[in-house]
Amino acid sequence: MSEQNNEQIELLREMVKWLRFMGLEKAKVVLTTTLDAGKKILAYHLSDGKNTSTVIANLTGISQSRVTEWWKEWLSVGLGEAMIASGGSRFKRSFDLKMFGIVVPEVKQKDDESQKSAEQKTEETTHE
């Protein structure tokens, strides 16, 4: 590459660095106003482009249709991008919430006894 091309690339890198810096505060405002509840924060955090809406629904305790509604909302305000996946599309978040000081709730795991109890109830209703 020529010296002029190297200088242009360096200049572009510098510009990107400052644009990113300038946009961080605006991104935080959009994130904190849009993600206004713990389950929304967790669902956004789990939306890594790999998890399906069904997986996120199961992990957060919200409906799969609500997850897809939120994905559409977040896409419209620029909080991520749509990704093509087998069976449809998924949402991939653009921001790591921890970088903005937003606390991500933990996924609540059912303890072994309640999990077994739920499984037994499911088996009982399917055998009836």
Protein backbone atom coordinates (compact mmCIF):
# COMPACT_ATOMS: atom_id res chain seq x y z
CA MET A 1 0.00 0.00 0.00
CA SER A 2 1.09 3.51 -0.60
CA GLU A 3 1.93 5.94 2.17
CA GLN A 4 -1.15 7.99 1.28
CA ASN A 5 -3.41 4.95 1.68
CA ASN A 6 -1.88 4.21 5.10
CA GLU A 7 -2.52 7.79 6.19
CA GLN A 8 -6.13 7.60 5.02
CA ILE A 9 -6.68 4.34 6.88
CA GLU A 10 -5.24 5.84 10.07
CA LEU A 11 -7.44 8.90 9.67
CA LEU A 12 -10.52 6.70 9.23
CA ARG A 13 -9.61 4.72 12.35
CA GLU A 14 -9.29 7.93 14.32
CA MET A 15 -12.67 9.12 13.05
CA VAL A 16 -14.35 5.84 13.99
CA LYS A 17 -12.86 6.04 17.48
CA TRP A 18 -14.33 9.52 18.03
CA LEU A 19 -17.69 8.66 16.50
CA ARG A 20 -17.96 5.67 18.79
CA PHE A 21 -17.05 7.82 21.79
CA MET A 22 -19.61 10.48 20.83
CA GLY A 23 -22.38 7.90 20.45
CA LEU A 24 -21.88 6.03 23.72
CA GLU A 25 -23.88 8.43 25.87
CA LYS A 26 -26.77 8.46 23.39
CA ALA A 27 -26.68 4.67 23.25
CA LYS A 28 -26.88 4.50 27.04
CA VAL A 29 -29.94 6.75 27.08
CA VAL A 30 -31.71 4.57 24.50
CA LEU A 31 -30.72 1.38 26.34
CA THR A 32 -31.91 2.59 29.75
CA THR A 33 -35.21 3.96 28.48
CA THR A 34 -35.98 0.98 26.24
CA LEU A 35 -34.85 -1.74 28.63
CA ASP A 36 -37.04 -0.58 31.49
CA ALA A 37 -37.55 -3.89 33.31
CA GLY A 38 -35.37 -6.73 34.55
CA LYS A 39 -36.78 -9.32 32.15
CA LYS A 40 -36.24 -6.99 29.19
CA ILE A 41 -32.64 -6.43 30.26
CA LEU A 42 -32.07 -10.16 30.57
CA ALA A 43 -33.78 -10.89 27.23
CA TYR A 44 -31.64 -8.24 25.50
CA HIS A 45 -28.48 -9.63 27.08
CA LEU A 46 -29.36 -13.15 25.94
CA SER A 47 -30.05 -11.94 22.39
CA ASP A 48 -26.61 -12.77 21.07
CA GLY A 49 -27.73 -14.00 17.65
CA LYS A 50 -27.28 -17.60 18.76
CA ASN A 51 -30.20 -17.96 21.17
CA THR A 52 -33.63 -18.44 19.63
CA SER A 53 -36.66 -16.55 20.88
CA THR A 54 -37.92 -19.83 22.36
CA VAL A 55 -34.70 -20.34 24.35
CA ILE A 56 -34.83 -16.76 25.61
CA ALA A 57 -38.50 -17.16 26.54
CA ASN A 58 -37.72 -20.29 28.54
CA LEU A 59 -34.79 -18.65 30.33
CA THR A 60 -36.67 -15.45 31.20
CA GLY A 61 -40.17 -16.78 31.85
CA ILE A 62 -41.80 -14.56 29.23
CA SER A 63 -43.67 -15.65 26.13
CA GLN A 64 -41.89 -16.36 22.87
CA SER A 65 -44.17 -13.89 21.07
CA ARG A 66 -43.19 -11.16 23.55
CA VAL A 67 -39.50 -11.83 22.85
CA THR A 68 -40.05 -11.40 19.11
CA GLU A 69 -42.05 -8.20 19.74
CA TRP A 70 -39.16 -6.83 21.76
CA TRP A 71 -36.71 -7.84 19.03
CA LYS A 72 -38.71 -5.78 16.52
CA GLU A 73 -38.77 -2.79 18.90
CA TRP A 74 -35.04 -3.01 19.59
CA LEU A 75 -34.29 -3.32 15.90
CA SER A 76 -36.32 -0.20 15.15
CA VAL A 77 -34.37 1.91 17.66
CA GLY A 78 -30.99 0.62 16.53
CA LEU A 79 -30.06 -1.60 19.46
CA GLY A 80 -29.05 -4.53 17.26
CA GLU A 81 -29.43 -6.25 13.94
CA ALA A 82 -31.53 -9.01 12.42
CA MET A 83 -29.70 -12.18 11.52
CA ILE A 84 -30.80 -14.93 9.19
CA ALA A 85 -30.94 -18.29 10.97
CA SER A 86 -32.38 -21.67 10.23
CA GLY A 87 -36.12 -21.44 10.58
CA GLY A 88 -36.28 -17.63 10.38
CA SER A 89 -34.42 -14.71 11.82
CA ARG A 90 -32.91 -13.78 15.15
CA PHE A 91 -31.87 -10.59 16.84
CA LYS A 92 -28.27 -9.87 17.75
CA ARG A 93 -27.65 -7.14 20.29
CA SER A 94 -25.11 -4.45 19.45
CA PHE A 95 -24.12 -3.49 22.98
CA ASP A 96 -22.71 -5.18 26.04
CA LEU A 97 -24.87 -3.84 28.87
CA LYS A 98 -22.13 -4.23 31.44
CA MET A 99 -20.08 -1.69 29.48
CA PHE A 100 -22.79 0.87 30.31
CA GLY A 101 -23.07 -0.09 33.98
CA ILE A 102 -26.42 -1.80 33.43
CA VAL A 103 -26.80 -4.75 35.78
CA VAL A 104 -27.97 -7.90 34.04
CA PRO A 105 -30.20 -10.11 36.20
CA GLU A 106 -29.15 -13.73 36.56
CA VAL A 107 -31.12 -16.50 34.93
CA LYS A 108 -33.12 -18.10 37.70
CA GLN A 109 -32.54 -21.83 37.75
CA LYS A 110 -35.19 -24.05 39.24
CA ASP A 111 -33.85 -26.14 42.08
CA ASP A 112 -33.79 -29.90 41.57
CA GLU A 113 -36.91 -30.59 43.64
CA SER A 114 -39.14 -28.05 41.87
CA GLN A 115 -37.77 -29.20 38.51
CA LYS A 116 -38.60 -32.83 39.32
CA SER A 117 -42.03 -31.82 40.60
CA ALA A 118 -42.76 -29.92 37.39
CA GLU A 119 -41.59 -32.87 35.30
CA GLN A 120 -43.79 -35.27 37.29
CA LYS A 121 -46.83 -33.04 36.82
CA THR A 122 -46.15 -32.92 33.09
CA GLU A 123 -45.87 -36.72 32.94
CA GLU A 124 -49.08 -37.15 34.93
CA THR A 125 -51.06 -34.84 32.63
CA THR A 126 -49.71 -36.48 29.48
CA HIS A 127 -50.65 -39.97 30.68
CA GLU A 128 -54.23 -39.02 31.54
